[in-house]
């Protein structure tokens, strides 16, 4: 590898935003036939660096070389012209169009005739055969599974001739069997001489598929290691500067109490008006964590939002403490001490332009008052105390939530959700996009809430998290419960089968 010219070579890449140094003289190489993983805590500079490579940001200084030649990349189009492509975590596809039509949009090829489309189809089939990418390129994208849509994204880049492919948290939305398929495709890409940059918080994945690992801390390269010389403990220490252990959980000690919240034939629609929840019967008891698994779009978010009181049900019942409540009265859910950690921490969980102390009293039915007016001095003190208890790092309570890193914002939201000792905690993807230290912190707080008698509903796309924290695990498929399993008596693969409409041994 040392004698090979890098496909991509970064030297001294520096980028600042209003005086904040996001990337500080970063050097990075990607060679033909390798997967180069980039790790780092939230705010370490990974996203900024990838956006520079893909032309979304212009670096303040430094150089980029492609195949040894100095280049300038000022837009995604420039990146594609230099054979650099990016598979985004959230796919850049027009769902009503076929894969062929989506690819024609990116390549700017005009399909004026059946002959043009036939020619493109033939080339795509060649690429599919070469890289073993099995996907229907003629069906509308909206009819394809999440994994198949991801394959379309990869085909798009290969069709444009990309030699360097950036994968940004590519497994975050995939069931386990489709993760295996993705890793096979990446292996095929590198076998053909492509270079891959792999961004992930899942250390097992990084150790499985990469050849080299670069660690960023506070915008700087603080370590680089060959994967064969690495393990999880070493990588965690490189990222955070210390050993960090996951929370200790003993499911054998779990004895659930009374039913706190129950649904009966619950149905709900998503924001498009499509009914995505189709007759769900579910109970959450005191002192237990009920995990929810499912491919995104199968009703998980709608279930969480109805139980949190922020979405109306189409039909069915929600009973809290044995009493049916109206899902059209969010105040009732707050008064019943139902706490909510939403999936979108930036736009639903907080108001970015508000200071921390004002965000602190969101979803609070009885904020501190003095003589009938909000007591901002008390609110500020409460906020400061919670920030200290939950290690929320900011200059002070006057800081905007928009200025917090993802991990610090999530810790703040968790602190707010737990401050009044809720009887039910609804957590939607609480650790998504968080670094390992913040992830363990959030998981520990969920476990503490359960130990204190709280009933927890946990939505997650991280199977390690679901299996570690959940006492019961339900799987949603097309808005229905496809099965309920014990994490101690099932496997990730069996859960993956339920997620895609199959059957798993031992499912109820």
Protein backbone atom coordinates (compact mmCIF):
# COMPACT_ATOMS: atom_id res chain seq x y z
CA UNK A 1 0.00 0.00 0.00
CA UNK A 2 2.85 2.34 0.81
CA UNK A 3 4.07 2.18 -2.78
CA UNK A 4 0.66 3.00 -4.24
CA UNK A 5 -0.51 6.49 -5.04
CA UNK A 6 -3.51 7.35 -2.86
CA UNK A 7 -6.86 7.69 -4.57
CA UNK A 8 -7.49 10.61 -2.21
CA UNK A 9 -4.93 12.60 -0.24
CA UNK A 10 -5.74 15.37 2.25
CA UNK A 11 -3.01 17.54 3.72
CA UNK A 12 -3.42 20.24 6.34
CA UNK A 13 -7.18 20.60 5.94
CA UNK A 14 -8.39 23.40 8.21
CA UNK A 15 -11.90 24.79 8.57
CA UNK A 16 -13.27 27.33 11.07
CA UNK A 17 -16.78 28.61 11.74
CA UNK A 18 -16.98 31.98 13.51
CA UNK A 19 -13.70 31.35 15.26
CA UNK A 20 -14.48 27.73 16.14
CA UNK A 21 -11.90 25.34 14.66
CA UNK A 22 -13.84 22.35 13.30
CA UNK A 23 -10.90 20.81 11.37
CA UNK A 24 -7.33 21.57 12.42
CA UNK A 25 -4.64 20.61 9.89
CA UNK A 26 -6.03 17.19 9.12
CA UNK A 27 -4.07 14.69 7.01
CA UNK A 28 -5.89 11.68 5.56
CA UNK A 29 -5.17 9.15 2.79
CA UNK A 30 -7.42 6.65 1.07
CA UNK A 31 -5.70 3.96 -0.97
CA UNK A 32 -7.07 1.67 -3.67
CA UNK A 33 -8.64 -1.46 -2.22
CA UNK A 34 -9.00 -0.28 1.40
CA UNK A 35 -11.72 0.68 3.82
CA UNK A 36 -10.49 3.60 5.89
CA UNK A 37 -12.70 4.17 8.93
CA UNK A 38 -12.95 7.57 10.60
CA UNK A 39 -13.96 7.63 14.27
CA UNK A 40 -14.50 10.36 16.81
CA UNK A 41 -16.84 11.71 19.44
CA UNK A 42 -19.67 14.05 18.49
CA UNK A 43 -18.19 17.37 17.50
CA UNK A 44 -14.82 15.81 16.63
CA UNK A 45 -14.97 17.16 13.08
CA UNK A 46 -15.95 14.05 11.09
CA UNK A 47 -18.98 15.58 9.37
CA UNK A 48 -17.11 18.79 8.54
CA UNK A 49 -14.26 16.82 6.97
CA UNK A 50 -16.61 14.66 4.89
CA UNK A 51 -18.48 17.75 3.71
CA UNK A 52 -15.18 19.26 2.60
CA UNK A 53 -14.26 16.12 0.66
CA UNK A 54 -17.70 16.11 -0.98
CA UNK A 55 -17.64 19.80 -1.80
CA UNK A 56 -20.27 21.02 0.65
CA UNK A 57 -17.71 23.20 2.46
CA UNK A 58 -14.62 24.96 1.20
CA UNK A 59 -11.57 24.52 3.47
CA UNK A 60 -9.82 27.61 4.81
CA UNK A 61 -6.46 26.02 4.04
CA UNK A 62 -4.90 22.74 3.04
CA UNK A 63 -4.82 20.70 -0.12
CA UNK A 64 -6.72 17.84 -1.75
CA UNK A 65 -5.13 15.51 -4.28
CA UNK A 66 -6.90 12.89 -6.35
CA UNK A 67 -4.61 10.24 -7.85
CA UNK A 68 -1.67 12.49 -7.04
CA UNK A 69 -3.07 15.58 -8.80
CA UNK A 70 -3.93 18.76 -6.92
CA UNK A 71 -7.66 19.53 -7.26
CA UNK A 72 -10.21 22.00 -5.98
CA UNK A 73 -13.61 20.74 -4.89
CA UNK A 74 -16.18 23.45 -4.34
CA UNK A 75 -19.41 21.50 -4.92
CA UNK A 76 -20.76 17.93 -4.98
CA UNK A 77 -20.63 18.16 -8.77
CA UNK A 78 -16.88 18.87 -8.55
CA UNK A 79 -16.52 15.86 -6.24
CA UNK A 80 -18.33 13.58 -8.67
CA UNK A 81 -16.19 14.86 -11.55
CA UNK A 82 -13.15 13.85 -9.50
CA UNK A 83 -14.73 10.44 -8.91
CA UNK A 84 -15.68 11.01 -5.26
CA UNK A 85 -19.19 10.05 -4.14
CA UNK A 86 -21.09 9.95 -0.86
CA UNK A 87 -23.79 7.57 0.36
CA UNK A 88 -25.70 9.72 2.82
CA UNK A 89 -27.38 8.33 5.92
CA UNK A 90 -30.65 9.77 4.65
CA UNK A 91 -30.94 8.78 1.01
CA UNK A 92 -31.04 11.37 -1.75
CA UNK A 93 -33.68 9.67 -3.87
CA UNK A 94 -36.94 10.72 -5.54
CA UNK A 95 -39.21 7.97 -4.24
CA UNK A 96 -41.78 8.00 -7.05
CA UNK A 97 -39.07 7.45 -9.68
CA UNK A 98 -37.28 4.21 -10.54
CA UNK A 99 -33.62 3.60 -9.84
CA UNK A 100 -32.86 4.23 -13.51
CA UNK A 101 -34.61 7.59 -13.44
CA UNK A 102 -32.90 8.57 -10.19
CA UNK A 103 -29.52 7.72 -11.65
CA UNK A 104 -30.26 9.69 -14.80
CA UNK A 105 -30.92 12.76 -12.63
CA UNK A 106 -27.52 12.50 -10.97
CA UNK A 107 -25.65 11.74 -14.17
CA UNK A 108 -27.63 14.41 -16.07
CA UNK A 109 -28.18 11.94 -18.88
CA UNK A 110 -31.38 12.60 -20.81
CA UNK A 111 -33.47 9.52 -21.47
CA UNK A 112 -35.29 10.80 -24.54
CA UNK A 113 -36.04 7.42 -26.06
CA UNK A 114 -36.51 3.76 -25.11
CA UNK A 115 -33.08 3.20 -26.69
CA UNK A 116 -31.45 5.62 -24.21
CA UNK A 117 -33.08 3.88 -21.27
CA UNK A 118 -32.13 0.46 -22.65
CA UNK A 119 -28.50 1.54 -22.93
CA UNK A 120 -28.44 2.85 -19.34
CA UNK A 121 -30.17 -0.27 -18.08
CA UNK A 122 -27.57 -2.47 -19.75
CA UNK A 123 -24.72 -0.53 -18.15
CA UNK A 124 -26.36 -0.69 -14.72
CA UNK A 125 -26.83 -4.43 -15.07
CA UNK A 126 -23.11 -4.73 -15.85
CA UNK A 127 -22.31 -2.84 -12.64
CA UNK A 128 -24.76 -4.98 -10.68
CA UNK A 129 -23.06 -8.12 -11.93
CA UNK A 130 -19.55 -6.76 -11.33
CA UNK A 131 -20.20 -5.69 -7.73
CA UNK A 132 -22.94 -8.23 -6.89
CA UNK A 133 -25.60 -5.60 -6.23
CA UNK A 134 -28.98 -7.28 -6.46
CA UNK A 135 -31.73 -4.67 -6.76
CA UNK A 136 -34.72 -4.06 -9.04
CA UNK A 137 -33.75 -0.94 -10.97
CA UNK A 138 -37.08 -0.59 -12.77
CA UNK A 139 -39.48 -0.38 -9.80
CA UNK A 140 -40.30 2.92 -8.08
CA UNK A 141 -37.88 3.52 -5.22
CA UNK A 142 -40.77 3.80 -2.74
CA UNK A 143 -41.55 0.12 -3.36
CA UNK A 144 -38.03 -0.97 -2.38
CA UNK A 145 -36.82 -1.88 1.11
CA UNK A 146 -34.43 0.43 2.93
CA UNK A 147 -31.54 -1.86 2.09
CA UNK A 148 -32.49 -1.90 -1.58
CA UNK A 149 -32.72 1.89 -1.64
CA UNK A 150 -29.22 2.05 -0.25
CA UNK A 151 -28.05 -0.21 -3.08
CA UNK A 152 -29.59 2.26 -5.54
CA UNK A 153 -27.51 5.02 -3.93
CA UNK A 154 -24.36 2.93 -4.41
CA UNK A 155 -25.27 2.20 -8.03
CA UNK A 156 -25.76 5.93 -8.64
CA UNK A 157 -22.18 6.61 -7.62
CA UNK A 158 -20.71 3.66 -9.49
CA UNK A 159 -22.52 4.74 -12.64
CA UNK A 160 -20.88 8.17 -12.41
CA UNK A 161 -17.50 6.43 -12.12
CA UNK A 162 -16.77 7.05 -8.43
CA UNK A 163 -13.50 5.56 -7.20
CA UNK A 164 -13.79 6.87 -3.63
CA UNK A 165 -17.08 6.21 -1.82
CA UNK A 166 -17.93 7.82 1.53
CA UNK A 167 -20.39 5.87 3.70
CA UNK A 168 -21.90 8.00 6.48
CA UNK A 169 -23.40 5.80 9.23
CA UNK A 170 -24.62 3.38 6.53
CA UNK A 171 -26.09 0.75 8.86
CA UNK A 172 -28.12 3.10 11.06
CA UNK A 173 -31.38 2.25 9.26
CA UNK A 174 -30.72 -1.36 8.20
CA UNK A 175 -31.93 -4.65 9.69
CA UNK A 176 -29.05 -7.04 10.51
CA UNK A 177 -29.29 -9.26 7.44
CA UNK A 178 -29.12 -6.22 5.18
CA UNK A 179 -26.03 -5.02 7.06
CA UNK A 180 -24.34 -8.24 6.00
CA UNK A 181 -25.33 -7.54 2.41
CA UNK A 182 -23.87 -4.04 2.60
CA UNK A 183 -20.57 -5.32 3.96
CA UNK A 184 -20.36 -7.82 1.09
CA UNK A 185 -20.86 -5.01 -1.41
CA UNK A 186 -18.15 -2.92 0.28
CA UNK A 187 -15.80 -5.91 0.10
CA UNK A 188 -16.57 -6.23 -3.61
CA UNK A 189 -15.91 -2.53 -4.13
CA UNK A 190 -12.47 -2.70 -2.54
CA UNK A 191 -11.67 -5.94 -4.38
CA UNK A 192 -12.15 -3.94 -7.59
CA UNK A 193 -9.75 -1.24 -6.41
CA UNK A 194 -12.24 1.26 -5.02
CA UNK A 195 -11.42 3.20 -1.85
CA UNK A 196 -14.00 3.52 0.94
CA UNK A 197 -14.27 6.02 3.80
CA UNK A 198 -16.45 4.48 6.48
CA UNK A 199 -18.04 6.62 9.21
CA UNK A 200 -19.69 4.74 12.06
CA UNK A 201 -20.13 4.81 15.82
CA UNK A 202 -20.46 1.01 15.83
CA UNK A 203 -17.00 -0.24 16.72
CA UNK A 204 -17.77 -3.86 15.89
CA UNK A 205 -18.53 -2.83 12.31
CA UNK A 206 -15.38 -0.77 12.04
CA UNK A 207 -13.25 -3.66 13.29
CA UNK A 208 -15.01 -6.04 10.93
CA UNK A 209 -14.60 -4.28 7.60
CA UNK A 210 -11.83 -1.66 7.77
CA UNK A 211 -8.09 -1.92 7.17
CA UNK A 212 -7.09 1.38 8.77
CA UNK A 213 -8.72 3.63 11.35
CA UNK A 214 -8.17 7.35 11.91
CA UNK A 215 -9.43 8.96 15.11
CA UNK A 216 -10.41 12.63 15.33
CA UNK A 217 -10.61 14.56 18.60
CA UNK A 218 -11.61 18.22 18.77
CA UNK A 219 -10.96 18.62 15.05
CA UNK A 220 -7.48 17.05 15.06
CA UNK A 221 -6.12 13.67 14.08
CA UNK A 222 -5.13 12.15 17.41
CA UNK A 223 -4.42 8.64 16.29
CA UNK A 224 -4.22 6.24 13.39
CA UNK A 225 -4.02 2.48 13.67
CA UNK A 226 -4.13 -0.59 11.45
CA UNK A 227 -7.31 -2.48 12.22
CA UNK A 228 -5.44 -5.71 12.84
CA UNK A 229 -3.74 -4.00 15.80
CA UNK A 230 -6.96 -2.57 17.27
CA UNK A 231 -9.74 -3.69 19.58
CA UNK A 232 -12.78 -1.92 21.07
CA UNK A 233 -11.00 -0.96 24.28
CA UNK A 234 -8.12 0.59 22.35
CA UNK A 235 -10.45 2.54 20.05
CA UNK A 236 -12.54 3.90 22.92
CA UNK A 237 -9.39 5.03 24.72
CA UNK A 238 -8.16 6.72 21.52
CA UNK A 239 -11.46 8.58 21.12
CA UNK A 240 -12.14 9.74 24.68
CA UNK A 241 -8.75 9.50 26.35
CA UNK A 242 -9.91 7.02 28.96
CA UNK A 243 -11.50 3.60 29.37
CA UNK A 244 -15.31 3.78 29.28
CA UNK A 245 -17.42 0.80 30.29
CA UNK A 246 -21.06 0.17 29.30
CA UNK A 247 -23.70 0.19 32.04
CA UNK A 248 -24.05 -3.04 34.01
CA UNK A 249 -27.47 -4.61 33.48
CA UNK A 250 -28.86 -7.72 35.16
CA UNK A 251 -32.18 -8.77 33.62
CA UNK A 252 -32.54 -11.57 36.15
CA UNK A 253 -33.28 -8.96 38.80
CA UNK A 254 -36.16 -7.45 36.81
CA UNK A 255 -39.60 -7.83 38.39
CA UNK A 256 -42.10 -5.67 36.52
CA UNK A 257 -44.87 -4.05 38.54
CA UNK A 258 -48.31 -2.80 37.61
CA UNK A 259 -49.38 -1.86 34.09
CA UNK A 260 -48.74 1.88 33.68
CA UNK A 261 -49.88 2.37 30.11
CA UNK A 262 -51.76 0.11 27.73
CA UNK A 263 -52.92 0.34 24.13
CA UNK A 264 -55.85 -1.47 22.55
CA UNK A 265 -56.05 -1.81 18.77
CA UNK A 266 -54.17 1.46 18.38
CA UNK A 267 -54.07 2.95 14.89
CA UNK A 268 -52.36 6.15 13.73
CA UNK A 269 -51.29 7.98 10.59
CA UNK A 270 -47.93 9.51 9.74
CA UNK A 271 -47.38 13.10 8.62
CA UNK A 272 -48.32 12.15 5.05
CA UNK A 273 -51.71 10.87 6.15
CA UNK A 274 -50.73 7.24 5.58
CA UNK A 275 -51.88 4.85 8.28
CA UNK A 276 -48.66 3.32 9.59
CA UNK A 277 -49.92 1.93 12.91
CA UNK A 278 -52.49 -0.81 12.45
CA UNK A 279 -54.06 -2.23 15.59
CA UNK A 280 -51.31 -2.42 18.22
CA UNK A 281 -51.95 -3.96 21.64
CA UNK A 282 -49.11 -3.15 24.02
CA UNK A 283 -48.48 -2.89 27.76
CA UNK A 284 -45.69 -1.11 29.60
CA UNK A 285 -45.24 -2.03 33.26
CA UNK A 286 -43.46 -0.31 36.09
CA UNK A 287 -39.80 -1.21 36.32
CA UNK A 288 -39.31 -2.64 32.84
CA UNK A 289 -37.88 -1.58 29.49
CA UNK A 290 -39.93 -2.57 26.46
CA UNK A 291 -37.78 -2.37 23.36
CA UNK A 292 -39.26 -1.74 19.91
CA UNK A 293 -37.44 -2.91 16.79
CA UNK A 294 -38.44 -2.42 13.19
CA UNK A 295 -37.29 -1.09 9.87
CA UNK A 296 -37.95 2.64 9.78
CA UNK A 297 -41.40 3.53 8.53
CA UNK A 298 -43.21 0.59 10.14
CA UNK A 299 -45.05 2.62 12.77
CA UNK A 300 -42.45 2.96 15.53
CA UNK A 301 -42.37 6.76 15.55
CA UNK A 302 -46.15 7.03 15.39
CA UNK A 303 -46.46 4.61 18.33
CA UNK A 304 -44.03 6.65 20.42
CA UNK A 305 -45.71 9.94 19.55
CA UNK A 306 -49.21 8.71 20.38
CA UNK A 307 -47.99 7.38 23.74
CA UNK A 308 -46.22 10.68 24.41
CA UNK A 309 -49.38 12.64 23.65
CA UNK A 310 -48.03 14.50 20.62
CA UNK A 311 -49.94 12.61 17.89
CA UNK A 312 -53.64 11.81 17.64
CA UNK A 313 -54.73 8.24 17.24
CA UNK A 314 -57.05 7.35 14.37
CA UNK A 315 -58.75 4.69 16.46
CA UNK A 316 -58.14 2.43 19.41
CA UNK A 317 -57.47 3.21 23.06
CA UNK A 318 -54.66 4.47 25.23
CA UNK A 319 -55.15 3.69 28.92
CA UNK A 320 -52.98 5.25 31.62
CA UNK A 321 -53.33 3.74 35.11
CA UNK A 322 -56.31 1.78 33.82
CA UNK A 323 -58.13 4.88 32.59
CA UNK A 324 -58.77 5.55 28.89
CA UNK A 325 -57.46 8.98 27.89
CA UNK A 326 -58.00 11.14 24.86
CA UNK A 327 -55.01 11.30 22.53
CA UNK A 328 -56.22 14.75 21.54
CA UNK A 329 -55.22 16.15 24.93
CA UNK A 330 -51.40 16.38 25.15
CA UNK A 331 -51.75 18.11 28.53
CA UNK A 332 -53.26 14.92 29.95
CA UNK A 333 -50.13 12.94 29.11
CA UNK A 334 -47.92 15.54 30.75
CA UNK A 335 -50.09 15.55 33.87
CA UNK A 336 -49.94 11.74 33.95
CA UNK A 337 -46.14 12.05 34.07
CA UNK A 338 -45.41 10.64 30.63
CA UNK A 339 -41.96 11.91 29.62
CA UNK A 340 -40.73 11.98 26.05
CA UNK A 341 -37.29 11.93 24.42
CA UNK A 342 -38.08 12.47 20.72
CA UNK A 343 -36.12 11.09 17.78
CA UNK A 344 -35.45 14.60 16.45
CA UNK A 345 -33.57 16.30 19.26
CA UNK A 346 -32.93 19.46 17.24
CA UNK A 347 -36.38 20.38 15.97
CA UNK A 348 -38.83 18.50 18.19
CA UNK A 349 -36.91 18.08 21.42
CA UNK A 350 -35.66 21.66 21.60
CA UNK A 351 -36.03 25.16 20.19
CA UNK A 352 -32.60 25.94 18.81
CA UNK A 353 -32.75 29.72 19.18
CA UNK A 354 -33.98 29.57 22.78
CA UNK A 355 -31.46 29.56 25.62
CA UNK A 356 -31.07 26.42 27.69
CA UNK A 357 -33.06 27.76 30.62
CA UNK A 358 -36.09 28.43 28.38
CA UNK A 359 -35.81 24.99 26.81
CA UNK A 360 -35.75 23.59 30.32
CA UNK A 361 -39.43 24.41 30.92
CA UNK A 362 -40.73 22.94 27.68
CA UNK A 363 -43.29 20.19 28.27
CA UNK A 364 -43.62 21.40 31.87
CA UNK A 365 -47.16 21.80 33.09
CA UNK A 366 -46.13 23.66 36.27
CA UNK A 367 -42.96 25.70 35.70
CA UNK A 368 -41.62 27.62 38.72
CA UNK A 369 -43.61 30.77 39.39
CA UNK A 370 -43.42 33.70 41.78
CA UNK A 371 -46.51 35.85 42.35
CA UNK A 372 -48.08 34.31 39.26
CA UNK A 373 -45.13 35.04 36.97
CA UNK A 374 -42.45 32.69 35.74
CA UNK A 375 -39.56 32.66 38.20
CA UNK A 376 -36.63 32.84 35.84
CA UNK A 377 -34.10 32.90 38.66
CA UNK A 378 -35.43 29.54 39.87
CA UNK A 379 -35.54 28.18 36.33
CA UNK A 380 -31.94 29.22 35.76
CA UNK A 381 -30.83 27.54 39.00
CA UNK A 382 -32.69 24.33 38.12
CA UNK A 383 -31.17 24.33 34.65
CA UNK A 384 -27.64 24.88 35.95
CA UNK A 385 -28.04 22.11 38.52
CA UNK A 386 -29.31 19.64 35.91
CA UNK A 387 -26.50 20.54 33.52
CA UNK A 388 -23.96 19.80 36.24
CA UNK A 389 -25.65 16.52 37.20
CA UNK A 390 -25.83 15.31 33.59
CA UNK A 391 -22.47 16.69 32.47
CA UNK A 392 -24.01 18.99 29.84
CA UNK A 393 -21.04 20.98 28.59
CA UNK A 394 -21.85 24.58 27.71
CA UNK A 395 -20.70 28.01 28.77
CA UNK A 396 -23.86 28.50 30.79
CA UNK A 397 -27.66 28.44 30.86
CA UNK A 398 -27.80 31.37 28.44
CA UNK A 399 -26.32 29.28 25.62
CA UNK A 400 -28.67 28.32 22.80
CA UNK A 401 -29.45 24.64 22.39
CA UNK A 402 -28.51 25.05 18.71
CA UNK A 403 -24.92 25.59 19.84
CA UNK A 404 -24.69 22.27 21.72
CA UNK A 405 -23.19 19.10 20.29
CA UNK A 406 -25.58 16.23 19.67
CA UNK A 407 -24.41 14.39 22.77
CA UNK A 408 -24.73 17.40 25.06
CA UNK A 409 -28.16 18.27 23.70
CA UNK A 410 -29.38 14.70 24.21
CA UNK A 411 -28.09 14.68 27.80
CA UNK A 412 -29.93 17.96 28.37
CA UNK A 413 -33.19 16.54 26.98
CA UNK A 414 -32.77 13.40 29.08
CA UNK A 415 -32.21 15.54 32.19
CA UNK A 416 -35.37 17.50 31.44
CA UNK A 417 -37.38 14.33 30.84
CA UNK A 418 -36.32 12.72 34.12
CA UNK A 419 -36.46 15.76 36.39
CA UNK A 420 -39.98 15.07 37.75
CA UNK A 421 -39.54 11.28 38.17
CA UNK A 422 -41.90 10.25 35.33
CA UNK A 423 -43.90 7.07 35.59
CA UNK A 424 -43.40 6.34 31.86
CA UNK A 425 -40.41 7.36 29.72
CA UNK A 426 -40.78 7.22 25.95
CA UNK A 427 -37.34 7.17 24.27
CA UNK A 428 -37.15 7.34 20.47
CA UNK A 429 -33.67 6.51 19.18
CA UNK A 430 -32.04 8.23 22.17
CA UNK A 431 -28.44 7.39 21.24
CA UNK A 432 -28.59 7.74 17.45
CA UNK A 433 -25.58 9.64 16.20
CA UNK A 434 -23.95 9.83 19.62
CA UNK A 435 -20.39 8.89 20.44
CA UNK A 436 -19.60 5.98 22.71
CA UNK A 437 -19.24 7.99 25.91
CA UNK A 438 -22.52 9.86 25.46
CA UNK A 439 -24.23 6.62 24.43
CA UNK A 440 -23.20 4.81 27.60
CA UNK A 441 -24.30 7.82 29.69
CA UNK A 442 -27.79 7.87 28.14
CA UNK A 443 -28.12 4.09 28.48
CA UNK A 444 -27.15 4.32 32.15
CA UNK A 445 -29.86 6.94 32.77
CA UNK A 446 -32.47 4.72 31.09
CA UNK A 447 -31.42 1.85 33.33
CA UNK A 448 -31.59 4.08 36.41
CA UNK A 449 -35.11 5.21 35.47
CA UNK A 450 -36.21 1.59 35.18
CA UNK A 451 -34.61 0.71 38.53
CA UNK A 452 -36.57 3.59 40.09
CA UNK A 453 -39.85 2.04 38.95
CA UNK A 454 -40.32 3.89 35.67
CA UNK A 455 -41.76 2.04 32.69
CA UNK A 456 -39.66 2.66 29.58
CA UNK A 457 -40.52 2.32 25.90
CA UNK A 458 -37.26 2.24 23.93
CA UNK A 459 -37.14 2.64 20.16
CA UNK A 460 -33.72 1.93 18.74
CA UNK A 461 -31.97 0.84 15.57
CA UNK A 462 -28.97 -0.39 17.57
CA UNK A 463 -29.43 -4.09 18.27
CA UNK A 464 -26.69 -4.15 20.90
CA UNK A 465 -28.63 -1.43 22.74
CA UNK A 466 -31.99 -3.15 22.39
CA UNK A 467 -30.68 -6.48 23.58
CA UNK A 468 -28.73 -4.94 26.47
CA UNK A 469 -31.48 -2.70 27.86
CA UNK A 470 -34.78 -4.38 26.99
CA UNK A 471 -36.63 -6.79 29.26
CA UNK A 472 -39.11 -7.49 26.47
CA UNK A 473 -38.64 -6.81 22.79
CA UNK A 474 -41.52 -6.24 20.36
CA UNK A 475 -41.03 -6.05 16.61
CA UNK A 476 -43.21 -3.88 14.38
CA UNK A 477 -43.82 -4.81 10.76
CA UNK A 478 -46.27 -2.84 8.62
CA UNK A 479 -47.74 -1.23 11.68
CA UNK A 480 -48.48 -4.44 13.54
CA UNK A 481 -46.64 -6.37 16.23
CA UNK A 482 -44.96 -9.15 14.29
CA UNK A 483 -43.71 -10.81 17.45
CA UNK A 484 -42.65 -10.37 21.03
CA UNK A 485 -39.43 -12.03 22.23
CA UNK A 486 -37.15 -12.18 25.20
CA UNK A 487 -33.71 -10.70 24.45
CA UNK A 488 -32.22 -13.51 26.54
CA UNK A 489 -33.86 -16.20 24.41
CA UNK A 490 -33.52 -14.94 20.85
CA UNK A 491 -30.89 -13.71 18.40
CA UNK A 492 -30.37 -10.58 16.37
CA UNK A 493 -30.94 -12.56 13.18
CA UNK A 494 -34.30 -13.86 14.45
CA UNK A 495 -35.36 -10.30 15.25
CA UNK A 496 -34.20 -9.27 11.79
CA UNK A 497 -36.46 -11.94 10.28
CA UNK A 498 -39.46 -10.53 12.13
CA UNK A 499 -38.56 -7.03 10.95
CA UNK A 500 -38.84 -8.11 7.32
CA UNK A 501 -42.05 -10.12 7.62
CA UNK A 502 -40.56 -13.53 8.41
CA UNK A 503 -40.97 -15.70 11.48
CA UNK A 504 -38.59 -16.21 14.35
CA UNK A 505 -38.34 -19.15 16.72
CA UNK A 506 -39.84 -18.37 20.08
CA UNK A 507 -41.80 -15.28 18.98
CA UNK A 508 -45.13 -14.78 20.69
